[in-house]
N, C-alpha and C. Protein backbone atom coordinates (compact mmCIF):
# COMPACT_ATOMS: atom_id res chain seq x y z
N UNK A 1 43.28 -91.32 -88.02
CA UNK A 1 43.69 -90.05 -88.58
C UNK A 1 43.76 -90.21 -90.11
N UNK A 2 43.16 -89.27 -90.84
CA UNK A 2 43.21 -89.29 -92.30
C UNK A 2 44.57 -88.80 -92.78
N UNK A 3 44.90 -89.12 -94.03
CA UNK A 3 46.19 -88.70 -94.60
C UNK A 3 46.34 -87.17 -94.57
N UNK A 4 45.26 -86.44 -94.88
CA UNK A 4 45.36 -84.98 -94.86
C UNK A 4 45.62 -84.48 -93.44
N UNK A 5 45.06 -85.17 -92.45
CA UNK A 5 45.31 -84.79 -91.07
C UNK A 5 46.79 -84.95 -90.73
N UNK A 6 47.39 -86.03 -91.19
CA UNK A 6 48.81 -86.27 -90.94
C UNK A 6 49.65 -85.15 -91.55
N UNK A 7 49.29 -84.74 -92.76
CA UNK A 7 50.01 -83.65 -93.41
C UNK A 7 49.89 -82.36 -92.60
N UNK A 8 48.74 -82.14 -92.03
CA UNK A 8 48.47 -80.91 -91.29
C UNK A 8 49.34 -80.79 -90.03
N UNK A 9 49.81 -81.94 -89.53
CA UNK A 9 50.64 -81.94 -88.33
C UNK A 9 52.13 -81.96 -88.64
N UNK A 10 52.49 -82.06 -89.90
CA UNK A 10 53.88 -82.00 -90.33
C UNK A 10 54.77 -82.94 -89.52
N UNK A 11 54.27 -84.15 -89.29
CA UNK A 11 55.07 -85.17 -88.61
C UNK A 11 55.13 -85.05 -87.10
N UNK A 12 54.23 -84.32 -86.49
CA UNK A 12 54.23 -84.17 -85.03
C UNK A 12 54.07 -85.53 -84.36
N UNK A 13 54.78 -85.72 -83.27
CA UNK A 13 54.71 -86.98 -82.52
C UNK A 13 53.42 -87.03 -81.70
N UNK A 14 53.09 -88.21 -81.25
CA UNK A 14 51.92 -88.40 -80.41
C UNK A 14 52.05 -87.57 -79.13
N UNK A 15 53.26 -87.51 -78.57
CA UNK A 15 53.44 -86.73 -77.33
C UNK A 15 53.21 -85.24 -77.58
N UNK A 16 53.63 -84.73 -78.73
CA UNK A 16 53.38 -83.31 -79.05
C UNK A 16 51.89 -83.07 -79.24
N UNK A 17 51.22 -83.99 -79.89
CA UNK A 17 49.77 -83.87 -80.09
C UNK A 17 49.05 -83.90 -78.75
N UNK A 18 49.48 -84.77 -77.85
CA UNK A 18 48.86 -84.83 -76.52
C UNK A 18 49.14 -83.57 -75.71
N UNK A 19 50.35 -83.03 -75.83
CA UNK A 19 50.67 -81.78 -75.12
C UNK A 19 49.79 -80.64 -75.64
N UNK A 20 49.56 -80.61 -76.95
CA UNK A 20 48.69 -79.57 -77.52
C UNK A 20 47.28 -79.67 -76.96
N UNK A 21 46.78 -80.89 -76.80
CA UNK A 21 45.45 -81.09 -76.21
C UNK A 21 45.38 -80.50 -74.81
N UNK A 22 46.45 -80.72 -74.04
CA UNK A 22 46.50 -80.16 -72.68
C UNK A 22 46.54 -78.63 -72.70
N UNK A 23 47.32 -78.08 -73.63
CA UNK A 23 47.42 -76.62 -73.71
C UNK A 23 46.09 -75.97 -74.09
N UNK A 24 45.26 -76.67 -74.85
CA UNK A 24 43.94 -76.13 -75.22
C UNK A 24 43.08 -75.91 -73.97
N UNK A 25 43.34 -76.70 -72.94
CA UNK A 25 42.55 -76.60 -71.71
C UNK A 25 42.96 -75.42 -70.84
N UNK A 26 44.15 -74.86 -71.10
CA UNK A 26 44.62 -73.76 -70.25
C UNK A 26 45.23 -72.62 -71.07
N UNK A 27 44.44 -72.15 -72.02
CA UNK A 27 44.87 -71.02 -72.84
C UNK A 27 44.91 -69.75 -71.98
N UNK A 28 45.77 -68.82 -72.37
CA UNK A 28 45.84 -67.55 -71.65
C UNK A 28 44.60 -66.71 -71.97
N UNK A 29 44.40 -65.66 -71.19
CA UNK A 29 43.27 -64.77 -71.45
C UNK A 29 43.34 -64.17 -72.85
N UNK A 30 44.54 -63.76 -73.26
CA UNK A 30 44.72 -63.16 -74.59
C UNK A 30 44.42 -64.19 -75.68
N UNK A 31 44.90 -65.42 -75.50
CA UNK A 31 44.63 -66.47 -76.48
C UNK A 31 43.14 -66.75 -76.58
N UNK A 32 42.47 -66.80 -75.45
CA UNK A 32 41.02 -67.05 -75.44
C UNK A 32 40.27 -65.92 -76.13
N UNK A 33 40.68 -64.70 -75.86
CA UNK A 33 40.05 -63.53 -76.49
C UNK A 33 40.19 -63.61 -78.01
N UNK A 34 41.39 -63.93 -78.49
CA UNK A 34 41.61 -64.03 -79.92
C UNK A 34 40.89 -65.25 -80.50
N UNK A 35 40.93 -66.37 -79.80
CA UNK A 35 40.27 -67.58 -80.28
C UNK A 35 38.78 -67.35 -80.52
N UNK A 36 38.15 -66.60 -79.62
CA UNK A 36 36.72 -66.32 -79.77
C UNK A 36 36.40 -65.57 -81.05
N UNK A 37 37.40 -64.90 -81.61
CA UNK A 37 37.22 -64.17 -82.88
C UNK A 37 37.65 -64.98 -84.10
N UNK A 38 38.53 -65.95 -83.91
CA UNK A 38 39.04 -66.74 -85.03
C UNK A 38 38.19 -67.98 -85.33
N UNK A 39 37.60 -68.55 -84.30
CA UNK A 39 36.87 -69.81 -84.50
C UNK A 39 35.63 -69.58 -85.37
N UNK A 40 35.18 -70.68 -85.97
CA UNK A 40 33.96 -70.61 -86.77
C UNK A 40 34.14 -69.94 -88.12
N UNK A 41 35.35 -69.97 -88.65
CA UNK A 41 35.65 -69.42 -89.99
C UNK A 41 35.24 -67.95 -90.12
N UNK A 42 35.47 -67.17 -89.09
CA UNK A 42 35.09 -65.76 -89.09
C UNK A 42 36.04 -64.87 -89.89
N UNK A 43 37.25 -65.36 -90.12
CA UNK A 43 38.24 -64.59 -90.89
C UNK A 43 38.36 -65.25 -92.27
N UNK A 44 38.00 -64.54 -93.30
CA UNK A 44 38.14 -64.99 -94.70
C UNK A 44 37.55 -66.38 -94.94
N UNK A 45 36.61 -66.78 -94.10
CA UNK A 45 35.95 -68.08 -94.24
C UNK A 45 36.94 -69.25 -94.22
N UNK A 46 38.03 -69.12 -93.46
CA UNK A 46 39.00 -70.21 -93.32
C UNK A 46 38.99 -70.69 -91.87
N UNK A 47 39.40 -71.93 -91.69
CA UNK A 47 39.41 -72.53 -90.36
C UNK A 47 40.75 -72.31 -89.68
N UNK A 48 40.70 -71.85 -88.47
CA UNK A 48 41.87 -71.78 -87.60
C UNK A 48 41.76 -72.89 -86.57
N UNK A 49 42.89 -73.42 -86.19
CA UNK A 49 42.97 -74.41 -85.12
C UNK A 49 43.78 -73.78 -83.99
N UNK A 50 43.42 -74.11 -82.77
CA UNK A 50 44.15 -73.56 -81.62
C UNK A 50 45.09 -74.60 -81.06
N UNK A 51 46.22 -74.13 -80.54
CA UNK A 51 47.22 -75.01 -79.94
C UNK A 51 47.44 -76.21 -80.86
N UNK A 52 47.88 -75.91 -82.07
CA UNK A 52 48.01 -76.92 -83.12
C UNK A 52 49.45 -77.41 -83.26
N UNK A 53 49.67 -78.75 -83.20
CA UNK A 53 51.02 -79.30 -83.34
C UNK A 53 51.51 -79.21 -84.79
N UNK A 54 52.74 -78.74 -84.94
CA UNK A 54 53.43 -78.72 -86.23
C UNK A 54 54.85 -79.20 -85.94
N UNK A 55 55.17 -80.40 -86.42
CA UNK A 55 56.46 -81.01 -86.16
C UNK A 55 56.68 -81.08 -84.65
N UNK A 56 57.74 -80.46 -84.12
CA UNK A 56 58.00 -80.51 -82.68
C UNK A 56 57.43 -79.31 -81.94
N UNK A 57 56.74 -78.43 -82.66
CA UNK A 57 56.23 -77.19 -82.09
C UNK A 57 54.72 -77.23 -81.92
N UNK A 58 54.23 -76.32 -81.11
CA UNK A 58 52.78 -76.15 -80.97
C UNK A 58 52.49 -74.68 -81.22
N UNK A 59 51.73 -74.43 -82.29
CA UNK A 59 51.36 -73.06 -82.66
C UNK A 59 50.15 -72.63 -81.86
N UNK A 60 50.13 -71.38 -81.45
CA UNK A 60 48.95 -70.87 -80.74
C UNK A 60 47.72 -71.04 -81.63
N UNK A 61 47.82 -70.57 -82.88
CA UNK A 61 46.74 -70.69 -83.85
C UNK A 61 47.33 -71.02 -85.20
N UNK A 62 46.65 -71.89 -85.95
CA UNK A 62 47.17 -72.31 -87.25
C UNK A 62 46.03 -72.39 -88.26
N UNK A 63 46.25 -71.79 -89.41
CA UNK A 63 45.33 -71.88 -90.53
C UNK A 63 46.04 -72.69 -91.62
N UNK A 64 45.59 -73.94 -91.80
CA UNK A 64 46.25 -74.83 -92.76
C UNK A 64 46.07 -74.32 -94.19
N UNK A 65 44.87 -73.81 -94.53
CA UNK A 65 44.65 -73.38 -95.91
C UNK A 65 45.53 -72.22 -96.32
N UNK A 66 45.94 -71.39 -95.37
CA UNK A 66 46.82 -70.26 -95.68
C UNK A 66 48.26 -70.53 -95.23
N UNK A 67 48.48 -71.69 -94.60
CA UNK A 67 49.79 -72.02 -94.01
C UNK A 67 50.29 -70.85 -93.18
N UNK A 68 49.45 -70.44 -92.24
CA UNK A 68 49.74 -69.27 -91.41
C UNK A 68 49.61 -69.63 -89.94
N UNK A 69 50.64 -69.29 -89.18
CA UNK A 69 50.63 -69.43 -87.72
C UNK A 69 50.49 -68.04 -87.12
N UNK A 70 49.61 -67.94 -86.14
CA UNK A 70 49.45 -66.70 -85.38
C UNK A 70 49.88 -67.00 -83.95
N UNK A 71 50.86 -66.25 -83.47
CA UNK A 71 51.36 -66.42 -82.11
C UNK A 71 50.97 -65.23 -81.26
N UNK A 72 50.59 -65.50 -80.03
CA UNK A 72 50.29 -64.46 -79.06
C UNK A 72 51.34 -64.59 -77.96
N UNK A 73 52.18 -63.59 -77.87
CA UNK A 73 53.35 -63.66 -76.99
C UNK A 73 53.14 -62.89 -75.69
N UNK A 74 53.40 -63.59 -74.61
CA UNK A 74 53.39 -62.96 -73.29
C UNK A 74 54.78 -62.45 -72.94
N UNK A 75 54.96 -62.07 -71.70
CA UNK A 75 56.22 -61.48 -71.25
C UNK A 75 57.40 -62.45 -71.36
N UNK A 76 57.17 -63.73 -71.25
CA UNK A 76 58.28 -64.69 -71.32
C UNK A 76 59.00 -64.63 -72.67
N UNK A 77 58.29 -64.20 -73.69
CA UNK A 77 58.91 -64.11 -75.01
C UNK A 77 59.94 -62.99 -75.10
N UNK A 78 59.90 -62.07 -74.15
CA UNK A 78 60.92 -61.01 -74.10
C UNK A 78 62.31 -61.60 -73.83
N UNK A 79 62.34 -62.78 -73.21
CA UNK A 79 63.60 -63.40 -72.80
C UNK A 79 64.00 -64.58 -73.68
N UNK A 80 63.21 -64.86 -74.71
CA UNK A 80 63.53 -65.99 -75.56
C UNK A 80 63.51 -65.61 -77.04
N UNK A 81 64.01 -64.44 -77.33
CA UNK A 81 63.99 -63.93 -78.71
C UNK A 81 64.70 -64.87 -79.68
N UNK A 82 65.87 -65.39 -79.30
CA UNK A 82 66.60 -66.30 -80.19
C UNK A 82 65.81 -67.58 -80.45
N UNK A 83 65.18 -68.12 -79.41
CA UNK A 83 64.35 -69.31 -79.59
C UNK A 83 63.22 -69.04 -80.58
N UNK A 84 62.55 -67.90 -80.42
CA UNK A 84 61.44 -67.56 -81.31
C UNK A 84 61.92 -67.39 -82.75
N UNK A 85 63.08 -66.79 -82.94
CA UNK A 85 63.63 -66.61 -84.28
C UNK A 85 63.92 -67.97 -84.92
N UNK A 86 64.54 -68.86 -84.16
CA UNK A 86 64.86 -70.20 -84.67
C UNK A 86 63.59 -71.02 -84.94
N UNK A 87 62.63 -70.91 -84.05
CA UNK A 87 61.35 -71.62 -84.21
C UNK A 87 60.65 -71.16 -85.47
N UNK A 88 60.62 -69.86 -85.70
CA UNK A 88 60.01 -69.31 -86.91
C UNK A 88 60.72 -69.84 -88.15
N UNK A 89 62.04 -69.86 -88.12
CA UNK A 89 62.81 -70.37 -89.27
C UNK A 89 62.47 -71.83 -89.54
N UNK A 90 62.33 -72.63 -88.49
CA UNK A 90 61.97 -74.03 -88.66
C UNK A 90 60.58 -74.17 -89.28
N UNK A 91 59.64 -73.38 -88.83
CA UNK A 91 58.28 -73.44 -89.38
C UNK A 91 58.26 -72.98 -90.84
N UNK A 92 59.10 -72.02 -91.17
CA UNK A 92 59.17 -71.53 -92.55
C UNK A 92 59.68 -72.61 -93.50
N UNK A 93 60.44 -73.57 -92.98
CA UNK A 93 60.89 -74.69 -93.82
C UNK A 93 59.71 -75.48 -94.39
N UNK A 94 58.58 -75.45 -93.69
CA UNK A 94 57.37 -76.14 -94.13
C UNK A 94 56.49 -75.24 -95.00
N UNK A 95 56.96 -74.04 -95.29
CA UNK A 95 56.17 -73.10 -96.07
C UNK A 95 55.16 -72.33 -95.23
N UNK A 96 55.32 -72.41 -93.91
CA UNK A 96 54.41 -71.76 -92.97
C UNK A 96 54.95 -70.37 -92.63
N UNK A 97 54.09 -69.37 -92.67
CA UNK A 97 54.48 -68.04 -92.24
C UNK A 97 53.98 -67.81 -90.82
N UNK A 98 54.75 -67.09 -90.04
CA UNK A 98 54.41 -66.83 -88.63
C UNK A 98 54.23 -65.33 -88.44
N UNK A 99 53.12 -64.95 -87.83
CA UNK A 99 52.95 -63.55 -87.41
C UNK A 99 52.73 -63.56 -85.91
N UNK A 100 53.24 -62.51 -85.27
CA UNK A 100 53.21 -62.45 -83.81
C UNK A 100 52.53 -61.17 -83.33
N UNK A 101 51.82 -61.34 -82.23
CA UNK A 101 51.21 -60.22 -81.54
C UNK A 101 51.49 -60.38 -80.06
N UNK A 102 51.56 -59.29 -79.35
CA UNK A 102 51.74 -59.36 -77.91
C UNK A 102 50.37 -59.51 -77.23
N UNK A 103 50.39 -59.98 -76.00
CA UNK A 103 49.16 -60.03 -75.22
C UNK A 103 48.50 -58.66 -75.19
N UNK A 104 49.32 -57.64 -75.00
CA UNK A 104 48.80 -56.27 -74.89
C UNK A 104 48.09 -55.85 -76.18
N UNK A 105 48.66 -56.18 -77.33
CA UNK A 105 48.01 -55.84 -78.60
C UNK A 105 46.63 -56.50 -78.70
N UNK A 106 46.56 -57.77 -78.34
CA UNK A 106 45.30 -58.50 -78.42
C UNK A 106 44.28 -57.90 -77.45
N UNK A 107 44.73 -57.56 -76.26
CA UNK A 107 43.81 -57.08 -75.23
C UNK A 107 43.38 -55.63 -75.43
N UNK A 108 44.23 -54.81 -76.04
CA UNK A 108 43.91 -53.39 -76.15
C UNK A 108 43.47 -52.96 -77.54
N UNK A 109 43.83 -53.71 -78.58
CA UNK A 109 43.46 -53.32 -79.94
C UNK A 109 43.15 -54.55 -80.78
N UNK A 110 42.17 -55.31 -80.34
CA UNK A 110 41.81 -56.57 -80.99
C UNK A 110 41.41 -56.34 -82.45
N UNK A 111 40.71 -55.27 -82.72
CA UNK A 111 40.27 -54.98 -84.10
C UNK A 111 41.46 -54.84 -85.04
N UNK A 112 42.50 -54.16 -84.59
CA UNK A 112 43.71 -54.00 -85.40
C UNK A 112 44.38 -55.36 -85.64
N UNK A 113 44.46 -56.19 -84.61
CA UNK A 113 45.03 -57.53 -84.72
C UNK A 113 44.25 -58.35 -85.73
N UNK A 114 42.93 -58.33 -85.63
CA UNK A 114 42.09 -59.09 -86.56
C UNK A 114 42.24 -58.61 -87.99
N UNK A 115 42.35 -57.30 -88.17
CA UNK A 115 42.55 -56.75 -89.51
C UNK A 115 43.87 -57.22 -90.11
N UNK A 116 44.93 -57.25 -89.29
CA UNK A 116 46.24 -57.72 -89.77
C UNK A 116 46.18 -59.20 -90.13
N UNK A 117 45.49 -59.99 -89.32
CA UNK A 117 45.35 -61.42 -89.61
C UNK A 117 44.57 -61.62 -90.90
N UNK A 118 43.47 -60.90 -91.04
CA UNK A 118 42.65 -61.01 -92.25
C UNK A 118 43.46 -60.64 -93.50
N UNK A 119 44.22 -59.58 -93.41
CA UNK A 119 45.06 -59.16 -94.54
C UNK A 119 46.09 -60.23 -94.88
N UNK A 120 46.73 -60.79 -93.86
CA UNK A 120 47.75 -61.82 -94.07
C UNK A 120 47.13 -63.08 -94.68
N UNK A 121 45.98 -63.51 -94.17
CA UNK A 121 45.31 -64.69 -94.71
C UNK A 121 44.96 -64.45 -96.17
N UNK A 122 44.39 -63.31 -96.46
CA UNK A 122 43.99 -62.98 -97.82
C UNK A 122 45.19 -63.01 -98.78
N UNK A 123 46.29 -62.40 -98.38
CA UNK A 123 47.50 -62.39 -99.19
C UNK A 123 48.07 -63.79 -99.37
N UNK A 124 48.10 -64.57 -98.30
CA UNK A 124 48.63 -65.93 -98.37
C UNK A 124 47.77 -66.82 -99.28
N UNK A 125 46.46 -66.65 -99.23
CA UNK A 125 45.57 -67.46 -100.05
C UNK A 125 45.78 -67.17 -101.54
N UNK A 126 46.15 -65.97 -101.87
CA UNK A 126 46.43 -65.62 -103.26
C UNK A 126 47.70 -66.30 -103.76
N UNK A 127 48.64 -66.53 -102.85
CA UNK A 127 49.92 -67.13 -103.23
C UNK A 127 49.87 -68.66 -103.33
N UNK A 128 48.99 -69.27 -102.56
CA UNK A 128 48.96 -70.74 -102.47
C UNK A 128 48.02 -71.35 -103.49
């Protein structure tokens, strides 16, 4: 692993990195739908990574150049609002911003989701 790779993981443990590898194999339908639009530098010519380890967390999608996490939340997130708030606060300690979309938003209005991501990436790139 190169030094820049280590920085990109923000100190994630080997077990977290291995768990992320497993999660890549079983992404949800909504995550797969969004991933097909994010991969290959299709948004602002920046690279997104899927199921990316950051410290003790695994982000659904992460753009290191914009320090942006994109989360796609299913129904279980309706019952873990406090966890999500705390997780976001922890990620913000690293200078990472988190934006969230529901499965329904991704599945029913993907274009709107992509536009919001593109806008956020563009704004973040201006700041960094």
